[in-house]
Amino acid sequence: MEYTVAITAFWAVEAVYQESFAHCIGEGSKTPQELKETCERWGNEAFAKYCQSVENIANRRLQKASDEELKKAEVMFLNVLEHEVDFWNMSRGNV
């Protein structure tokens, strides 16, 4: 697998987790107390900055990628998002 495709997938996974867990610690969230520590670990500002750095790496690679790599990265990105939606729906009992 090309590095560009892999780093794009990696960024997508990390960003989804950061956004999801940040939502769980956001204003007015109803996150159970037993999940707060986990949400704070993955939803904090430091992890958001880390995700931004991974996104920057992916974007630099995508800017230099061939058309074939771009197509593969897009397919991988959409595949990751599909699996993430399935995961979060499953965790809510919606599958």
N, C-alpha and C. Protein backbone atom coordinates (compact mmCIF):
# COMPACT_ATOMS: atom_id res chain seq x y z
N MET A 1 0.85 -1.17 0.00
CA MET A 1 0.00 0.00 0.00
C MET A 1 0.90 1.23 0.00
N GLU A 2 0.52 2.20 -0.80
CA GLU A 2 1.28 3.44 -0.87
C GLU A 2 1.16 4.21 0.44
N TYR A 3 2.25 4.89 0.80
CA TYR A 3 2.28 5.67 2.04
C TYR A 3 1.16 6.71 2.05
N THR A 4 0.92 7.35 0.92
CA THR A 4 -0.12 8.38 0.84
C THR A 4 -1.49 7.81 1.20
N VAL A 5 -1.79 6.63 0.72
CA VAL A 5 -3.06 5.98 1.02
C VAL A 5 -3.12 5.63 2.51
N ALA A 6 -2.04 5.09 3.03
CA ALA A 6 -2.00 4.69 4.44
C ALA A 6 -2.13 5.88 5.37
N ILE A 7 -1.41 6.97 5.10
CA ILE A 7 -1.47 8.13 6.00
C ILE A 7 -2.83 8.80 5.92
N THR A 8 -3.47 8.74 4.76
CA THR A 8 -4.82 9.28 4.64
C THR A 8 -5.79 8.48 5.49
N ALA A 9 -5.69 7.17 5.43
CA ALA A 9 -6.55 6.31 6.26
C ALA A 9 -6.28 6.54 7.74
N PHE A 10 -5.02 6.62 8.10
CA PHE A 10 -4.64 6.83 9.50
C PHE A 10 -5.21 8.15 10.01
N TRP A 11 -5.07 9.21 9.22
CA TRP A 11 -5.61 10.51 9.62
C TRP A 11 -7.13 10.42 9.80
N ALA A 12 -7.81 9.75 8.88
CA ALA A 12 -9.27 9.65 8.97
C ALA A 12 -9.70 8.97 10.26
N VAL A 13 -9.04 7.88 10.61
CA VAL A 13 -9.37 7.16 11.85
C VAL A 13 -9.14 8.06 13.06
N GLU A 14 -7.98 8.67 13.14
CA GLU A 14 -7.64 9.52 14.28
C GLU A 14 -8.59 10.71 14.39
N ALA A 15 -8.89 11.33 13.27
CA ALA A 15 -9.76 12.52 13.30
C ALA A 15 -11.18 12.17 13.73
N VAL A 16 -11.69 11.04 13.28
CA VAL A 16 -13.03 10.62 13.69
C VAL A 16 -13.08 10.40 15.20
N TYR A 17 -12.07 9.72 15.72
CA TYR A 17 -12.05 9.48 17.17
C TYR A 17 -11.95 10.79 17.93
N GLN A 18 -11.07 11.68 17.50
CA GLN A 18 -10.91 12.95 18.21
C GLN A 18 -12.21 13.75 18.19
N GLU A 19 -12.82 13.86 17.04
CA GLU A 19 -14.08 14.62 16.93
C GLU A 19 -15.19 13.98 17.76
N SER A 20 -15.26 12.67 17.70
CA SER A 20 -16.32 11.97 18.44
C SER A 20 -16.17 12.13 19.94
N PHE A 21 -14.96 11.91 20.41
CA PHE A 21 -14.74 12.02 21.85
C PHE A 21 -14.80 13.47 22.32
N ALA A 22 -14.39 14.41 21.49
CA ALA A 22 -14.51 15.83 21.85
C ALA A 22 -15.98 16.20 22.02
N HIS A 23 -16.81 15.65 21.16
CA HIS A 23 -18.25 15.88 21.26
C HIS A 23 -18.78 15.38 22.61
N CYS A 24 -18.23 14.27 23.08
CA CYS A 24 -18.68 13.67 24.34
C CYS A 24 -18.31 14.50 25.56
N ILE A 25 -17.33 15.38 25.43
CA ILE A 25 -16.95 16.23 26.55
C ILE A 25 -17.38 17.67 26.33
N GLY A 26 -18.11 17.90 25.25
CA GLY A 26 -18.56 19.24 24.92
C GLY A 26 -19.64 19.75 25.86
N GLU A 27 -19.89 21.01 25.76
CA GLU A 27 -20.93 21.67 26.56
C GLU A 27 -22.27 20.97 26.39
N GLY A 28 -22.88 20.63 27.50
CA GLY A 28 -24.20 20.02 27.48
C GLY A 28 -24.24 18.54 27.16
N SER A 29 -23.08 17.90 27.04
CA SER A 29 -23.09 16.46 26.74
C SER A 29 -23.64 15.69 27.93
N LYS A 30 -24.20 14.55 27.65
CA LYS A 30 -24.78 13.69 28.69
C LYS A 30 -23.96 12.42 28.85
N THR A 31 -22.64 12.56 28.71
CA THR A 31 -21.75 11.42 28.81
C THR A 31 -21.74 10.89 30.23
N PRO A 32 -21.93 9.58 30.39
CA PRO A 32 -21.87 8.99 31.73
C PRO A 32 -20.50 9.21 32.37
N GLN A 33 -20.49 9.38 33.65
CA GLN A 33 -19.25 9.66 34.39
C GLN A 33 -18.17 8.61 34.11
N GLU A 34 -18.56 7.35 33.99
CA GLU A 34 -17.56 6.28 33.79
C GLU A 34 -16.87 6.36 32.42
N LEU A 35 -17.40 7.16 31.52
CA LEU A 35 -16.77 7.32 30.20
C LEU A 35 -16.01 8.63 30.05
N LYS A 36 -16.14 9.52 31.01
CA LYS A 36 -15.52 10.86 30.91
C LYS A 36 -14.01 10.79 30.74
N GLU A 37 -13.33 9.92 31.50
CA GLU A 37 -11.87 9.85 31.41
C GLU A 37 -11.42 9.47 30.00
N THR A 38 -12.08 8.48 29.43
CA THR A 38 -11.75 8.06 28.07
C THR A 38 -12.02 9.19 27.08
N CYS A 39 -13.14 9.85 27.24
CA CYS A 39 -13.49 10.95 26.34
C CYS A 39 -12.49 12.09 26.45
N GLU A 40 -12.06 12.38 27.65
CA GLU A 40 -11.08 13.45 27.84
C GLU A 40 -9.72 13.06 27.27
N ARG A 41 -9.37 11.80 27.32
CA ARG A 41 -8.08 11.34 26.77
C ARG A 41 -8.04 11.54 25.26
N TRP A 42 -9.12 11.19 24.57
CA TRP A 42 -9.12 11.22 23.10
C TRP A 42 -9.78 12.47 22.53
N GLY A 43 -10.45 13.25 23.36
CA GLY A 43 -11.13 14.44 22.86
C GLY A 43 -10.47 15.74 23.24
N ASN A 44 -9.29 15.66 23.85
CA ASN A 44 -8.64 16.88 24.34
C ASN A 44 -7.95 17.67 23.24
N GLU A 45 -7.56 18.87 23.58
CA GLU A 45 -6.93 19.79 22.61
C GLU A 45 -5.58 19.27 22.11
N ALA A 46 -4.81 18.64 22.98
CA ALA A 46 -3.51 18.11 22.56
C ALA A 46 -3.67 17.03 21.49
N PHE A 47 -4.66 16.16 21.67
CA PHE A 47 -4.90 15.13 20.65
C PHE A 47 -5.43 15.76 19.37
N ALA A 48 -6.21 16.83 19.49
CA ALA A 48 -6.69 17.55 18.30
C ALA A 48 -5.50 18.13 17.52
N LYS A 49 -4.52 18.66 18.22
CA LYS A 49 -3.32 19.21 17.54
C LYS A 49 -2.54 18.10 16.87
N TYR A 50 -2.43 16.96 17.52
CA TYR A 50 -1.77 15.80 16.92
C TYR A 50 -2.49 15.41 15.63
N CYS A 51 -3.83 15.34 15.68
CA CYS A 51 -4.61 14.98 14.49
C CYS A 51 -4.39 15.99 13.38
N GLN A 52 -4.28 17.26 13.74
CA GLN A 52 -4.01 18.30 12.73
C GLN A 52 -2.65 18.09 12.08
N SER A 53 -1.67 17.67 12.85
CA SER A 53 -0.35 17.42 12.26
C SER A 53 -0.39 16.22 11.31
N VAL A 54 -1.15 15.19 11.67
CA VAL A 54 -1.29 14.03 10.77
C VAL A 54 -2.03 14.46 9.50
N GLU A 55 -3.06 15.29 9.65
CA GLU A 55 -3.77 15.80 8.48
C GLU A 55 -2.83 16.59 7.58
N ASN A 56 -1.97 17.41 8.15
CA ASN A 56 -1.02 18.19 7.35
C ASN A 56 -0.10 17.29 6.56
N ILE A 57 0.37 16.22 7.19
CA ILE A 57 1.23 15.25 6.48
C ILE A 57 0.45 14.62 5.33
N ALA A 58 -0.77 14.18 5.60
CA ALA A 58 -1.59 13.56 4.55
C ALA A 58 -1.83 14.55 3.41
N ASN A 59 -2.14 15.79 3.74
CA ASN A 59 -2.40 16.79 2.69
C ASN A 59 -1.16 17.04 1.83
N ARG A 60 0.01 17.10 2.45
CA ARG A 60 1.24 17.30 1.66
C ARG A 60 1.45 16.13 0.70
N ARG A 61 1.21 14.91 1.20
CA ARG A 61 1.36 13.74 0.34
C ARG A 61 0.33 13.73 -0.78
N LEU A 62 -0.91 14.09 -0.46
CA LEU A 62 -1.97 14.10 -1.46
C LEU A 62 -1.70 15.13 -2.56
N GLN A 63 -1.10 16.25 -2.20
CA GLN A 63 -0.79 17.28 -3.19
C GLN A 63 0.22 16.80 -4.22
N LYS A 64 1.08 15.86 -3.82
CA LYS A 64 2.12 15.34 -4.71
C LYS A 64 1.74 14.00 -5.33
N ALA A 65 0.59 13.48 -4.99
CA ALA A 65 0.19 12.13 -5.40
C ALA A 65 -0.20 12.07 -6.87
N SER A 66 -0.02 10.91 -7.43
CA SER A 66 -0.48 10.65 -8.81
C SER A 66 -2.00 10.52 -8.78
N ASP A 67 -2.60 10.57 -9.95
CA ASP A 67 -4.05 10.40 -10.04
C ASP A 67 -4.47 9.04 -9.47
N GLU A 68 -3.67 8.02 -9.74
CA GLU A 68 -3.98 6.67 -9.23
C GLU A 68 -3.93 6.64 -7.70
N GLU A 69 -2.92 7.26 -7.12
CA GLU A 69 -2.84 7.32 -5.66
C GLU A 69 -4.01 8.10 -5.07
N LEU A 70 -4.40 9.19 -5.72
CA LEU A 70 -5.53 9.98 -5.25
C LEU A 70 -6.81 9.16 -5.25
N LYS A 71 -7.01 8.39 -6.30
CA LYS A 71 -8.19 7.53 -6.37
C LYS A 71 -8.18 6.50 -5.25
N LYS A 72 -7.03 5.87 -5.03
CA LYS A 72 -6.91 4.88 -3.97
C LYS A 72 -7.12 5.51 -2.60
N ALA A 73 -6.57 6.70 -2.40
CA ALA A 73 -6.73 7.39 -1.11
C ALA A 73 -8.19 7.76 -0.87
N GLU A 74 -8.87 8.17 -1.91
CA GLU A 74 -10.29 8.52 -1.77
C GLU A 74 -11.12 7.28 -1.41
N VAL A 75 -10.86 6.19 -2.09
CA VAL A 75 -11.59 4.95 -1.80
C VAL A 75 -11.31 4.51 -0.36
N MET A 76 -10.05 4.59 0.06
CA MET A 76 -9.69 4.20 1.42
C MET A 76 -10.36 5.13 2.44
N PHE A 77 -10.34 6.43 2.18
CA PHE A 77 -10.97 7.40 3.07
C PHE A 77 -12.45 7.09 3.25
N LEU A 78 -13.15 6.87 2.15
CA LEU A 78 -14.58 6.55 2.22
C LEU A 78 -14.82 5.22 2.93
N ASN A 79 -13.94 4.27 2.71
CA ASN A 79 -14.04 2.97 3.38
C ASN A 79 -13.89 3.14 4.90
N VAL A 80 -12.91 3.93 5.31
CA VAL A 80 -12.72 4.20 6.74
C VAL A 80 -13.97 4.85 7.32
N LEU A 81 -14.48 5.85 6.65
CA LEU A 81 -15.68 6.54 7.16
C LEU A 81 -16.87 5.59 7.27
N GLU A 82 -17.02 4.73 6.29
CA GLU A 82 -18.12 3.75 6.34
C GLU A 82 -17.99 2.85 7.56
N HIS A 83 -16.78 2.36 7.80
CA HIS A 83 -16.56 1.50 8.97
C HIS A 83 -16.73 2.26 10.28
N GLU A 84 -16.31 3.50 10.30
CA GLU A 84 -16.48 4.31 11.52
C GLU A 84 -17.96 4.55 11.81
N VAL A 85 -18.73 4.86 10.81
CA VAL A 85 -20.18 5.04 11.00
C VAL A 85 -20.79 3.75 11.53
N ASP A 86 -20.40 2.62 10.94
CA ASP A 86 -20.91 1.34 11.42
C ASP A 86 -20.52 1.11 12.88
N PHE A 87 -19.28 1.43 13.22
CA PHE A 87 -18.82 1.24 14.59
C PHE A 87 -19.62 2.10 15.56
N TRP A 88 -19.76 3.37 15.26
CA TRP A 88 -20.46 4.26 16.20
C TRP A 88 -21.94 3.90 16.28
N ASN A 89 -22.53 3.48 15.18
CA ASN A 89 -23.93 3.03 15.23
C ASN A 89 -24.06 1.76 16.08
N MET A 90 -23.09 0.85 15.93
CA MET A 90 -23.11 -0.37 16.72
C MET A 90 -22.99 -0.04 18.21
N SER A 91 -22.12 0.91 18.53
CA SER A 91 -21.91 1.26 19.94
C SER A 91 -23.15 1.91 20.54
N ARG A 92 -24.01 2.44 19.69
CA ARG A 92 -25.27 3.02 20.16
C ARG A 92 -26.43 2.04 20.04
N GLY A 93 -26.13 0.84 19.54
CA GLY A 93 -27.17 -0.17 19.40
C GLY A 93 -28.05 0.02 18.18
N ASN A 94 -27.51 0.70 17.16
CA ASN A 94 -28.31 0.99 15.96
C ASN A 94 -28.04 0.05 14.80
N VAL A 95 -27.30 -1.02 15.02
CA VAL A 95 -27.01 -1.92 13.90
C VAL A 95 -27.90 -3.13 13.99
